[in-house]
């Protein structure tokens, strides 16, 4: 072996020691789902992620409005890895908004999901802005196009920059007018929901609006400033947010980490069981969506398949009636 070759091997070994791609444990967590990058081998569990994107294509083609998929696999076999791959591919290529639901209060699944929904939509999407801002831009452009089909449509970044250049008072009047025009031409049960979505275009107000959409209570002065009630927390609010999304885009909702043994103090249901009932409700209320649930096979069999009504099982596995 020559001195040059030996030197090169030493340098390579040094690099591998300092930057070993296999030094981290194989288990992925929520931060890997939302992180900018993650170690991925495209062939690993490709059938699972391919099934989700195939279902999304079917929804987009109008084969059915919503479908649901269950991935049942042992811990450490790549369930969260599949979810992370889905998220990153959507961020790179677009095609749907993405929601990740993985932490629940056993006594209040709906409230937990509303917070997870809003927090997910605060994450950066395919257009390099928050997913809330993508949705707010779609609402705004639909209003502009309804008034003039030939009008110039805006990108999210353009709208955010425009609102940042005007006063808060002018921004408030503009948002209220857009919301009024949108609600006039669309079946909107609660105009405050769409108003809050539009406020996400304001750099100064986006976090307050997202918190309100998460069901959190606003301080009185901030509620007055945004012309919103102090709080909006309900399953109906969740449904209206999801229906608003469905007017403009597809949606993938991923449920993960359902191994929590805590039970609802009023019903006795475990977290996985309560989420199963919740998935059924979502399945029956949203359109243009794919629901993915990852679960340990033992929990799937004992807590859901053998314990809950068949109607729950059917909705979780995408059986349409």
C-alpha atoms as a PDB file:
ATOM      1  CA  UNK A   1       0.000   0.000   0.000  1.00  0.00           C
ATOM      2  CA  UNK A   2       1.476   3.347  -0.985  1.00  0.00           C
ATOM      3  CA  UNK A   3       1.753   6.270   1.438  1.00  0.00           C
ATOM      4  CA  UNK A   4      -0.780   8.260  -0.604  1.00  0.00           C
ATOM      5  CA  UNK A   5      -3.397   5.499  -0.471  1.00  0.00           C
ATOM      6  CA  UNK A   6      -2.806   4.999   3.254  1.00  0.00           C
ATOM      7  CA  UNK A   7      -3.221   8.735   3.841  1.00  0.00           C
ATOM      8  CA  UNK A   8      -6.491   8.797   1.865  1.00  0.00           C
ATOM      9  CA  UNK A   9      -7.906   5.862   3.844  1.00  0.00           C
ATOM     10  CA  UNK A  10      -7.015   7.554   7.124  1.00  0.00           C
ATOM     11  CA  UNK A  11      -8.779  10.704   5.966  1.00  0.00           C
ATOM     12  CA  UNK A  12     -11.904   8.737   4.948  1.00  0.00           C
ATOM     13  CA  UNK A  13     -11.949   6.864   8.252  1.00  0.00           C
ATOM     14  CA  UNK A  14     -11.636  10.146  10.125  1.00  0.00           C
ATOM     15  CA  UNK A  15     -14.591  11.609   8.221  1.00  0.00           C
ATOM     16  CA  UNK A  16     -16.705   8.534   8.911  1.00  0.00           C
ATOM     17  CA  UNK A  17     -15.920   8.717  12.623  1.00  0.00           C
ATOM     18  CA  UNK A  18     -16.923  12.378  12.801  1.00  0.00           C
ATOM     19  CA  UNK A  19     -19.957  12.127  10.480  1.00  0.00           C
ATOM     20  CA  UNK A  20     -21.164   8.558  10.769  1.00  0.00           C
ATOM     21  CA  UNK A  21     -24.609   8.372   9.091  1.00  0.00           C
ATOM     22  CA  UNK A  22     -25.406   5.246  11.105  1.00  0.00           C
ATOM     23  CA  UNK A  23     -24.413   6.627  14.517  1.00  0.00           C
ATOM     24  CA  UNK A  24     -27.965   7.680  15.409  1.00  0.00           C
ATOM     25  CA  UNK A  25     -30.546   5.179  16.616  1.00  0.00           C
ATOM     26  CA  UNK A  26     -32.962   4.030  13.872  1.00  0.00           C
ATOM     27  CA  UNK A  27     -36.062   5.258  15.729  1.00  0.00           C
ATOM     28  CA  UNK A  28     -37.502   8.489  14.352  1.00  0.00           C
ATOM     29  CA  UNK A  29     -39.441  11.004  16.437  1.00  0.00           C
ATOM     30  CA  UNK A  30     -41.602  14.043  15.721  1.00  0.00           C
ATOM     31  CA  UNK A  31     -38.564  16.282  15.209  1.00  0.00           C
ATOM     32  CA  UNK A  32     -37.520  14.059  12.302  1.00  0.00           C
ATOM     33  CA  UNK A  33     -40.946  14.470  10.715  1.00  0.00           C
ATOM     34  CA  UNK A  34     -40.714  18.270  10.837  1.00  0.00           C
ATOM     35  CA  UNK A  35     -36.943  18.574  10.441  1.00  0.00           C
ATOM     36  CA  UNK A  36     -35.533  19.902   7.205  1.00  0.00           C
ATOM     37  CA  UNK A  37     -33.850  16.621   6.357  1.00  0.00           C
ATOM     38  CA  UNK A  38     -33.710  13.062   7.609  1.00  0.00           C
ATOM     39  CA  UNK A  39     -31.838   9.889   6.629  1.00  0.00           C
ATOM     40  CA  UNK A  40     -33.949   8.027   4.100  1.00  0.00           C
ATOM     41  CA  UNK A  41     -33.504   4.916   2.021  1.00  0.00           C
ATOM     42  CA  UNK A  42     -36.218   5.165  -0.626  1.00  0.00           C
ATOM     43  CA  UNK A  43     -36.621   1.400  -0.926  1.00  0.00           C
ATOM     44  CA  UNK A  44     -37.278   0.976   2.824  1.00  0.00           C
ATOM     45  CA  UNK A  45     -41.027   0.341   3.301  1.00  0.00           C
ATOM     46  CA  UNK A  46     -41.626   1.869  -0.128  1.00  0.00           C
ATOM     47  CA  UNK A  47     -44.853  -0.127  -0.460  1.00  0.00           C
ATOM     48  CA  UNK A  48     -46.303   1.742   2.524  1.00  0.00           C
ATOM     49  CA  UNK A  49     -45.531   5.287   1.370  1.00  0.00           C
ATOM     50  CA  UNK A  50     -46.467   4.341  -2.209  1.00  0.00           C
ATOM     51  CA  UNK A  51     -49.875   3.176  -0.962  1.00  0.00           C
ATOM     52  CA  UNK A  52     -50.506   6.557   0.658  1.00  0.00           C
ATOM     53  CA  UNK A  53     -49.548   8.505  -2.455  1.00  0.00           C
ATOM     54  CA  UNK A  54     -51.592   6.138  -4.622  1.00  0.00           C
ATOM     55  CA  UNK A  55     -54.601   6.793  -2.379  1.00  0.00           C
ATOM     56  CA  UNK A  56     -53.944  10.540  -2.683  1.00  0.00           C
ATOM     57  CA  UNK A  57     -53.953  10.206  -6.484  1.00  0.00           C
ATOM     58  CA  UNK A  58     -57.304   8.360  -6.283  1.00  0.00           C
ATOM     59  CA  UNK A  59     -58.779  11.119  -4.115  1.00  0.00           C
ATOM     60  CA  UNK A  60     -57.469  13.752  -6.520  1.00  0.00           C
ATOM     61  CA  UNK A  61     -59.019  11.824  -9.441  1.00  0.00           C
ATOM     62  CA  UNK A  62     -62.395  11.782  -7.683  1.00  0.00           C
ATOM     63  CA  UNK A  63     -62.531   8.017  -7.094  1.00  0.00           C
ATOM     64  CA  UNK A  64     -63.750   8.747  -3.560  1.00  0.00           C
ATOM     65  CA  UNK A  65     -63.753  11.863  -1.364  1.00  0.00           C
ATOM     66  CA  UNK A  66     -61.763  10.427   1.533  1.00  0.00           C
ATOM     67  CA  UNK A  67     -59.952   7.230   2.355  1.00  0.00           C
ATOM     68  CA  UNK A  68     -58.173   5.820   5.384  1.00  0.00           C
ATOM     69  CA  UNK A  69     -55.165   3.511   5.715  1.00  0.00           C
ATOM     70  CA  UNK A  70     -53.780   1.602   8.701  1.00  0.00           C
ATOM     71  CA  UNK A  71     -50.131   0.582   8.958  1.00  0.00           C
ATOM     72  CA  UNK A  72     -49.765  -2.061  11.659  1.00  0.00           C
ATOM     73  CA  UNK A  73     -46.142  -2.886  12.476  1.00  0.00           C
ATOM     74  CA  UNK A  74     -43.840  -3.573  15.387  1.00  0.00           C
ATOM     75  CA  UNK A  75     -41.922  -0.752  17.069  1.00  0.00           C
ATOM     76  CA  UNK A  76     -38.728   0.197  15.250  1.00  0.00           C
ATOM     77  CA  UNK A  77     -39.807  -1.154  11.864  1.00  0.00           C
ATOM     78  CA  UNK A  78     -40.215   2.255  10.222  1.00  0.00           C
ATOM     79  CA  UNK A  79     -43.770   3.546  10.807  1.00  0.00           C
ATOM     80  CA  UNK A  80     -42.685   7.076  11.714  1.00  0.00           C
ATOM     81  CA  UNK A  81     -40.045   6.858   8.980  1.00  0.00           C
ATOM     82  CA  UNK A  82     -42.835   6.400   6.425  1.00  0.00           C
ATOM     83  CA  UNK A  83     -44.670   9.443   7.812  1.00  0.00           C
ATOM     84  CA  UNK A  84     -41.481  11.500   7.664  1.00  0.00           C
ATOM     85  CA  UNK A  85     -40.933  10.470   4.041  1.00  0.00           C
ATOM     86  CA  UNK A  86     -44.501  11.512   3.173  1.00  0.00           C
ATOM     87  CA  UNK A  87     -44.048  14.893   4.841  1.00  0.00           C
ATOM     88  CA  UNK A  88     -40.731  15.630   3.127  1.00  0.00           C
ATOM     89  CA  UNK A  89     -41.959  14.565  -0.288  1.00  0.00           C
ATOM     90  CA  UNK A  90     -45.010  16.811   0.033  1.00  0.00           C
ATOM     91  CA  UNK A  91     -42.790  19.681   1.138  1.00  0.00           C
ATOM     92  CA  UNK A  92     -40.579  19.190  -1.898  1.00  0.00           C
ATOM     93  CA  UNK A  93     -43.245  18.445  -4.508  1.00  0.00           C
ATOM     94  CA  UNK A  94     -46.544  19.783  -3.146  1.00  0.00           C
ATOM     95  CA  UNK A  95     -49.816  18.041  -3.859  1.00  0.00           C
ATOM     96  CA  UNK A  96     -51.412  18.201  -0.406  1.00  0.00           C
ATOM     97  CA  UNK A  97     -51.253  19.894   2.959  1.00  0.00           C
ATOM     98  CA  UNK A  98     -49.857  17.734   5.757  1.00  0.00           C
ATOM     99  CA  UNK A  99     -51.012  17.196   9.339  1.00  0.00           C
ATOM    100  CA  UNK A 100     -49.112  15.146  11.926  1.00  0.00           C
ATOM    101  CA  UNK A 101     -50.987  14.070  15.068  1.00  0.00           C
ATOM    102  CA  UNK A 102     -48.921  12.257  17.681  1.00  0.00           C
ATOM    103  CA  UNK A 103     -49.571  13.626  21.190  1.00  0.00           C
ATOM    104  CA  UNK A 104     -52.995  13.398  22.802  1.00  0.00           C
ATOM    105  CA  UNK A 105     -54.698  14.196  26.078  1.00  0.00           C
ATOM    106  CA  UNK A 106     -56.585  10.999  26.852  1.00  0.00           C
ATOM    107  CA  UNK A 107     -59.490  13.045  28.285  1.00  0.00           C
ATOM    108  CA  UNK A 108     -59.824  15.380  25.293  1.00  0.00           C
ATOM    109  CA  UNK A 109     -58.802  13.925  21.936  1.00  0.00           C
ATOM    110  CA  UNK A 110     -60.666  16.598  19.965  1.00  0.00           C
ATOM    111  CA  UNK A 111     -58.939  19.496  21.708  1.00  0.00           C
ATOM    112  CA  UNK A 112     -55.584  17.772  21.305  1.00  0.00           C
ATOM    113  CA  UNK A 113     -56.184  17.288  17.598  1.00  0.00           C
ATOM    114  CA  UNK A 114     -57.231  20.908  17.067  1.00  0.00           C
ATOM    115  CA  UNK A 115     -53.921  22.043  18.542  1.00  0.00           C
ATOM    116  CA  UNK A 116     -51.957  19.508  16.487  1.00  0.00           C
ATOM    117  CA  UNK A 117     -53.844  20.568  13.343  1.00  0.00           C
ATOM    118  CA  UNK A 118     -52.972  24.224  13.809  1.00  0.00           C
ATOM    119  CA  UNK A 119     -49.385  23.478  14.812  1.00  0.00           C
ATOM    120  CA  UNK A 120     -48.969  21.312  11.710  1.00  0.00           C
ATOM    121  CA  UNK A 121     -50.291  24.052   9.461  1.00  0.00           C
ATOM    122  CA  UNK A 122     -47.795  26.458  11.036  1.00  0.00           C
ATOM    123  CA  UNK A 123     -45.022  24.358   9.496  1.00  0.00           C
ATOM    124  CA  UNK A 124     -43.375  25.323   6.207  1.00  0.00           C
ATOM    125  CA  UNK A 125     -45.009  23.783   3.144  1.00  0.00           C
ATOM    126  CA  UNK A 126     -44.133  23.363  -0.517  1.00  0.00           C
ATOM    127  CA  UNK A 127     -44.311  27.115  -1.233  1.00  0.00           C
ATOM    128  CA  UNK A 128     -41.686  27.948   1.405  1.00  0.00           C
ATOM    129  CA  UNK A 129     -44.209  29.586   3.712  1.00  0.00           C
ATOM    130  CA  UNK A 130     -46.419  28.241   6.476  1.00  0.00           C
ATOM    131  CA  UNK A 131     -49.195  25.944   5.294  1.00  0.00           C
ATOM    132  CA  UNK A 132     -51.686  28.346   6.921  1.00  0.00           C
ATOM    133  CA  UNK A 133     -50.314  31.055   4.626  1.00  0.00           C
ATOM    134  CA  UNK A 134     -50.708  28.825   1.573  1.00  0.00           C
ATOM    135  CA  UNK A 135     -54.367  28.351   2.484  1.00  0.00           C
ATOM    136  CA  UNK A 136     -54.900  32.069   3.184  1.00  0.00           C
ATOM    137  CA  UNK A 137     -53.408  32.881  -0.226  1.00  0.00           C
ATOM    138  CA  UNK A 138     -55.799  30.454  -1.944  1.00  0.00           C
ATOM    139  CA  UNK A 139     -58.754  32.157  -0.228  1.00  0.00           C
ATOM    140  CA  UNK A 140     -57.518  35.602  -1.269  1.00  0.00           C
ATOM    141  CA  UNK A 141     -56.847  34.618  -4.880  1.00  0.00           C
ATOM    142  CA  UNK A 142     -60.289  32.985  -5.157  1.00  0.00           C
ATOM    143  CA  UNK A 143     -61.881  36.298  -4.159  1.00  0.00           C
ATOM    144  CA  UNK A 144     -59.760  38.261  -6.648  1.00  0.00           C
ATOM    145  CA  UNK A 145     -60.500  35.790  -9.449  1.00  0.00           C
ATOM    146  CA  UNK A 146     -64.240  35.907  -8.729  1.00  0.00           C
ATOM    147  CA  UNK A 147     -64.183  39.669  -9.201  1.00  0.00           C
ATOM    148  CA  UNK A 148     -61.978  39.591 -12.301  1.00  0.00           C
ATOM    149  CA  UNK A 149     -61.034  36.276 -13.998  1.00  0.00           C
ATOM    150  CA  UNK A 150     -58.094  38.000 -15.692  1.00  0.00           C
ATOM    151  CA  UNK A 151     -56.642  39.566 -12.560  1.00  0.00           C
ATOM    152  CA  UNK A 152     -53.091  38.848 -11.425  1.00  0.00           C
ATOM    153  CA  UNK A 153     -52.962  36.194  -8.732  1.00  0.00           C
ATOM    154  CA  UNK A 154     -50.460  36.451  -5.906  1.00  0.00           C
ATOM    155  CA  UNK A 155     -47.974  34.060  -4.410  1.00  0.00           C
ATOM    156  CA  UNK A 156     -48.015  33.692  -0.610  1.00  0.00           C
ATOM    157  CA  UNK A 157     -44.746  35.579  -0.284  1.00  0.00           C
ATOM    158  CA  UNK A 158     -46.107  38.473  -2.346  1.00  0.00           C
ATOM    159  CA  UNK A 159     -49.222  38.771  -0.174  1.00  0.00           C
ATOM    160  CA  UNK A 160     -47.233  38.558   3.050  1.00  0.00           C
ATOM    161  CA  UNK A 161     -44.901  41.300   1.804  1.00  0.00           C
ATOM    162  CA  UNK A 162     -47.826  43.522   0.780  1.00  0.00           C
ATOM    163  CA  UNK A 163     -49.531  43.251   4.146  1.00  0.00           C
ATOM    164  CA  UNK A 164     -46.239  43.945   5.869  1.00  0.00           C
ATOM    165  CA  UNK A 165     -45.955  47.276   4.049  1.00  0.00           C
ATOM    166  CA  UNK A 166     -49.317  48.681   5.176  1.00  0.00           C
ATOM    167  CA  UNK A 167     -50.575  49.727   8.591  1.00  0.00           C
ATOM    168  CA  UNK A 168     -52.351  47.292  10.916  1.00  0.00           C
ATOM    169  CA  UNK A 169     -55.564  49.275  10.446  1.00  0.00           C
ATOM    170  CA  UNK A 170     -55.393  48.964   6.655  1.00  0.00           C
ATOM    171  CA  UNK A 171     -54.488  45.289   6.939  1.00  0.00           C
ATOM    172  CA  UNK A 172     -57.490  44.710   9.201  1.00  0.00           C
ATOM    173  CA  UNK A 173     -59.863  46.406   6.763  1.00  0.00           C
ATOM    174  CA  UNK A 174     -58.404  44.452   3.838  1.00  0.00           C
ATOM    175  CA  UNK A 175     -58.712  41.117   5.618  1.00  0.00           C
ATOM    176  CA  UNK A 176     -62.275  41.855   6.686  1.00  0.00           C
ATOM    177  CA  UNK A 177     -63.246  42.776   3.120  1.00  0.00           C
ATOM    178  CA  UNK A 178     -61.643  39.654   1.621  1.00  0.00           C
ATOM    179  CA  UNK A 179     -63.345  37.527   4.265  1.00  0.00           C
ATOM    180  CA  UNK A 180     -66.704  39.180   3.628  1.00  0.00           C
ATOM    181  CA  UNK A 181     -66.430  38.601  -0.128  1.00  0.00           C
ATOM    182  CA  UNK A 182     -65.318  34.998   0.351  1.00  0.00           C
ATOM    183  CA  UNK A 183     -68.119  34.145   2.776  1.00  0.00           C
ATOM    184  CA  UNK A 184     -70.699  35.743   0.484  1.00  0.00           C
ATOM    185  CA  UNK A 185     -69.838  33.354  -2.341  1.00  0.00           C
ATOM    186  CA  UNK A 186     -69.133  30.225  -0.278  1.00  0.00           C
ATOM    187  CA  UNK A 187     -71.026  28.230   2.308  1.00  0.00           C
ATOM    188  CA  UNK A 188     -69.149  29.314   5.416  1.00  0.00           C
ATOM    189  CA  UNK A 189     -70.791  28.478   8.718  1.00  0.00           C
ATOM    190  CA  UNK A 190     -68.407  30.527  10.836  1.00  0.00           C
ATOM    191  CA  UNK A 191     -66.802  33.557   9.118  1.00  0.00           C
ATOM    192  CA  UNK A 192     -64.448  33.950  12.074  1.00  0.00           C
ATOM    193  CA  UNK A 193     -62.648  30.764  11.005  1.00  0.00           C
ATOM    194  CA  UNK A 194     -61.757  32.124   7.571  1.00  0.00           C
ATOM    195  CA  UNK A 195     -60.947  35.530   9.041  1.00  0.00           C
ATOM    196  CA  UNK A 196     -58.432  33.923  11.385  1.00  0.00           C
ATOM    197  CA  UNK A 197     -56.940  31.952   8.492  1.00  0.00           C
ATOM    198  CA  UNK A 198     -56.465  35.195   6.555  1.00  0.00           C
ATOM    199  CA  UNK A 199     -54.743  36.837   9.538  1.00  0.00           C
ATOM    200  CA  UNK A 200     -51.937  34.313   9.042  1.00  0.00           C
ATOM    201  CA  UNK A 201     -50.774  36.502   6.163  1.00  0.00           C
ATOM    202  CA  UNK A 202     -49.802  39.185   8.678  1.00  0.00           C
ATOM    203  CA  UNK A 203     -46.298  38.713  10.040  1.00  0.00           C
ATOM    204  CA  UNK A 204     -47.249  40.420  13.305  1.00  0.00           C
ATOM    205  CA  UNK A 205     -50.530  38.552  13.824  1.00  0.00           C
ATOM    206  CA  UNK A 206     -49.863  35.091  12.357  1.00  0.00           C
ATOM    207  CA  UNK A 207     -48.955  33.402  15.632  1.00  0.00           C
ATOM    208  CA  UNK A 208     -51.992  34.845  17.432  1.00  0.00           C
ATOM    209  CA  UNK A 209     -54.284  33.724  14.609  1.00  0.00           C
ATOM    210  CA  UNK A 210     -52.783  30.218  14.572  1.00  0.00           C
ATOM    211  CA  UNK A 211     -53.179  29.967  18.341  1.00  0.00           C
ATOM    212  CA  UNK A 212     -56.833  30.984  18.052  1.00  0.00           C
ATOM    213  CA  UNK A 213     -57.366  28.381  15.324  1.00  0.00           C
ATOM    214  CA  UNK A 214     -55.772  25.858  17.704  1.00  0.00           C
ATOM    215  CA  UNK A 215     -58.604  26.574  20.156  1.00  0.00           C
ATOM    216  CA  UNK A 216     -56.466  28.626  22.514  1.00  0.00           C
ATOM    217  CA  UNK A 217     -57.861  31.694  24.241  1.00  0.00           C
ATOM    218  CA  UNK A 218     -56.700  35.116  23.111  1.00  0.00           C
ATOM    219  CA  UNK A 219     -56.228  38.047  25.453  1.00  0.00           C
ATOM    220  CA  UNK A 220     -59.193  40.399  25.274  1.00  0.00           C
ATOM    221  CA  UNK A 221     -57.182  43.211  23.669  1.00  0.00           C
ATOM    222  CA  UNK A 222     -55.887  40.858  20.945  1.00  0.00           C
ATOM    223  CA  UNK A 223     -59.352  39.435  20.242  1.00  0.00           C
ATOM    224  CA  UNK A 224     -60.617  43.003  19.787  1.00  0.00           C
ATOM    225  CA  UNK A 225     -57.656  43.858  17.557  1.00  0.00           C
ATOM    226  CA  UNK A 226     -58.283  40.847  15.291  1.00  0.00           C
ATOM    227  CA  UNK A 227     -62.050  41.205  15.576  1.00  0.00           C
ATOM    228  CA  UNK A 228     -62.376  37.597  16.768  1.00  0.00           C
ATOM    229  CA  UNK A 229     -64.042  35.984  19.783  1.00  0.00           C
ATOM    230  CA  UNK A 230     -61.565  35.227  22.545  1.00  0.00           C
ATOM    231  CA  UNK A 231     -61.643  31.505  21.768  1.00  0.00           C
ATOM    232  CA  UNK A 232     -63.037  28.921  19.348  1.00  0.00           C
ATOM    233  CA  UNK A 233     -62.611  25.303  20.445  1.00  0.00           C
ATOM    234  CA  UNK A 234     -64.886  22.597  19.080  1.00  0.00           C
ATOM    235  CA  UNK A 235     -65.100  19.701  16.670  1.00  0.00           C
ATOM    236  CA  UNK A 236     -67.183  21.968  14.444  1.00  0.00           C
ATOM    237  CA  UNK A 237     -64.232  24.365  14.208  1.00  0.00           C
ATOM    238  CA  UNK A 238     -61.999  21.455  13.181  1.00  0.00           C
ATOM    239  CA  UNK A 239     -64.455  20.394  10.496  1.00  0.00           C
ATOM    240  CA  UNK A 240     -64.726  23.920   9.094  1.00  0.00           C
ATOM    241  CA  UNK A 241     -60.945  24.278   8.897  1.00  0.00           C
ATOM    242  CA  UNK A 242     -60.669  20.949   7.064  1.00  0.00           C
ATOM    243  CA  UNK A 243     -63.549  21.821   4.728  1.00  0.00           C
ATOM    244  CA  UNK A 244     -61.878  25.112   3.903  1.00  0.00           C
ATOM    245  CA  UNK A 245     -58.692  23.238   3.012  1.00  0.00           C
ATOM    246  CA  UNK A 246     -60.679  20.827   0.831  1.00  0.00           C
ATOM    247  CA  UNK A 247     -61.914  23.701  -1.343  1.00  0.00           C
ATOM    248  CA  UNK A 248     -58.383  24.294  -2.566  1.00  0.00           C
ATOM    249  CA  UNK A 249     -56.173  21.323  -1.839  1.00  0.00           C
ATOM    250  CA  UNK A 250     -55.886  17.699  -0.815  1.00  0.00           C
ATOM    251  CA  UNK A 251     -54.941  16.767   2.728  1.00  0.00           C
ATOM    252  CA  UNK A 252     -52.978  13.966   4.405  1.00  0.00           C
ATOM    253  CA  UNK A 253     -53.525  13.443   8.142  1.00  0.00           C
ATOM    254  CA  UNK A 254     -51.118  11.059   9.898  1.00  0.00           C
ATOM    255  CA  UNK A 255     -51.800   9.607  13.349  1.00  0.00           C
ATOM    256  CA  UNK A 256     -48.777   8.137  15.117  1.00  0.00           C
ATOM    257  CA  UNK A 257     -47.456   7.112  18.561  1.00  0.00           C
ATOM    258  CA  UNK A 258     -50.718   5.661  19.899  1.00  0.00           C
ATOM    259  CA  UNK A 259     -49.105   3.373  22.479  1.00  0.00           C
ATOM    260  CA  UNK A 260     -50.114   5.585  25.444  1.00  0.00           C
ATOM    261  CA  UNK A 261     -51.796   3.448  28.139  1.00  0.00           C
ATOM    262  CA  UNK A 262     -53.682   6.391  29.692  1.00  0.00           C
ATOM    263  CA  UNK A 263     -57.471   6.171  29.560  1.00  0.00           C
ATOM    264  CA  UNK A 264     -60.254   8.700  29.173  1.00  0.00           C
ATOM    265  CA  UNK A 265     -61.500   9.183  32.733  1.00  0.00           C
ATOM    266  CA  UNK A 266     -65.135   9.360  31.604  1.00  0.00           C
ATOM    267  CA  UNK A 267     -65.274   6.533  29.038  1.00  0.00           C
ATOM    268  CA  UNK A 268     -62.395   4.263  30.039  1.00  0.00           C
ATOM    269  CA  UNK A 269     -61.139   4.219  26.454  1.00  0.00           C
ATOM    270  CA  UNK A 270     -57.407   4.099  25.823  1.00  0.00           C
ATOM    271  CA  UNK A 271     -55.807   6.753  23.639  1.00  0.00           C
ATOM    272  CA  UNK A 272     -55.669   4.430  20.600  1.00  0.00           C
ATOM    273  CA  UNK A 273     -59.381   3.636  20.996  1.00  0.00           C
ATOM    274  CA  UNK A 274     -60.375   7.285  21.372  1.00  0.00           C
ATOM    275  CA  UNK A 275     -58.318   8.154  18.297  1.00  0.00           C
ATOM    276  CA  UNK A 276     -60.062   5.324  16.414  1.00  0.00           C
ATOM    277  CA  UNK A 277     -63.454   6.853  17.172  1.00  0.00           C
ATOM    278  CA  UNK A 278     -62.093  10.250  16.175  1.00  0.00           C
ATOM    279  CA  UNK A 279     -60.778   8.900  12.852  1.00  0.00           C
ATOM    280  CA  UNK A 280     -64.296   7.655  12.115  1.00  0.00           C
ATOM    281  CA  UNK A 281     -65.674  11.166  12.717  1.00  0.00           C
ATOM    282  CA  UNK A 282     -63.046  12.722  10.481  1.00  0.00           C
ATOM    283  CA  UNK A 283     -63.671  10.130   7.773  1.00  0.00           C
ATOM    284  CA  UNK A 284     -67.342  11.108   7.686  1.00  0.00           C
ATOM    285  CA  UNK A 285     -66.807  14.874   7.675  1.00  0.00           C
ATOM    286  CA  UNK A 286     -63.854  15.717   5.440  1.00  0.00           C
ATOM    287  CA  UNK A 287     -63.360  15.629   1.686  1.00  0.00           C
ATOM    288  CA  UNK A 288     -60.292  15.259  -0.520  1.00  0.00           C
ATOM    289  CA  UNK A 289     -58.307  13.667   2.261  1.00  0.00           C
ATOM    290  CA  UNK A 290     -56.226  10.622   3.161  1.00  0.00           C
ATOM    291  CA  UNK A 291     -56.056   9.523   6.807  1.00  0.00           C
ATOM    292  CA  UNK A 292     -53.095   7.366   7.812  1.00  0.00           C
ATOM    293  CA  UNK A 293     -52.927   5.623  11.194  1.00  0.00           C
ATOM    294  CA  UNK A 294     -49.789   3.799  12.298  1.00  0.00           C
ATOM    295  CA  UNK A 295     -50.182   1.406  15.200  1.00  0.00           C
ATOM    296  CA  UNK A 296     -48.511  -1.515  16.970  1.00  0.00           C
ATOM    297  CA  UNK A 297     -50.111  -4.837  15.875  1.00  0.00           C
ATOM    298  CA  UNK A 298     -50.876  -5.884  19.441  1.00  0.00           C
ATOM    299  CA  UNK A 299     -52.753  -2.643  20.139  1.00  0.00           C
ATOM    300  CA  UNK A 300     -54.496  -2.850  16.776  1.00  0.00           C
ATOM    301  CA  UNK A 301     -55.813  -6.347  17.492  1.00  0.00           C
ATOM    302  CA  UNK A 302     -56.584  -6.144  21.199  1.00  0.00           C
ATOM    303  CA  UNK A 303     -57.753  -2.535  21.583  1.00  0.00           C
ATOM    304  CA  UNK A 304     -59.395  -1.870  18.220  1.00  0.00           C
ATOM    305  CA  UNK A 305     -60.023  -4.885  15.968  1.00  0.00           C
ATOM    306  CA  UNK A 306     -61.330  -7.156  18.761  1.00  0.00           C
ATOM    307  CA  UNK A 307     -62.805  -4.446  20.986  1.00  0.00           C
ATOM    308  CA  UNK A 308     -64.522  -1.750  18.910  1.00  0.00           C
ATOM    309  CA  UNK A 309     -67.571  -1.810  16.590  1.00  0.00           C
ATOM    310  CA  UNK A 310     -67.015  -2.904  13.002  1.00  0.00           C
ATOM    311  CA  UNK A 311     -68.035   0.558  11.789  1.00  0.00           C
ATOM    312  CA  UNK A 312     -64.888   1.957  13.439  1.00  0.00           C
ATOM    313  CA  UNK A 313     -62.699  -0.680  11.802  1.00  0.00           C
ATOM    314  CA  UNK A 314     -64.291  -0.008   8.420  1.00  0.00           C
ATOM    315  CA  UNK A 315     -63.616   3.728   8.577  1.00  0.00           C
ATOM    316  CA  UNK A 316     -60.049   3.278   9.736  1.00  0.00           C
ATOM    317  CA  UNK A 317     -59.312   0.933   6.866  1.00  0.00           C
ATOM    318  CA  UNK A 318     -61.082   3.056   4.282  1.00  0.00           C
ATOM    319  CA  UNK A 319     -64.173   0.949   3.584  1.00  0.00           C
ATOM    320  CA  UNK A 320     -66.823   3.180   1.968  1.00  0.00           C
ATOM    321  CA  UNK A 321     -70.531   2.553   2.390  1.00  0.00           C
END
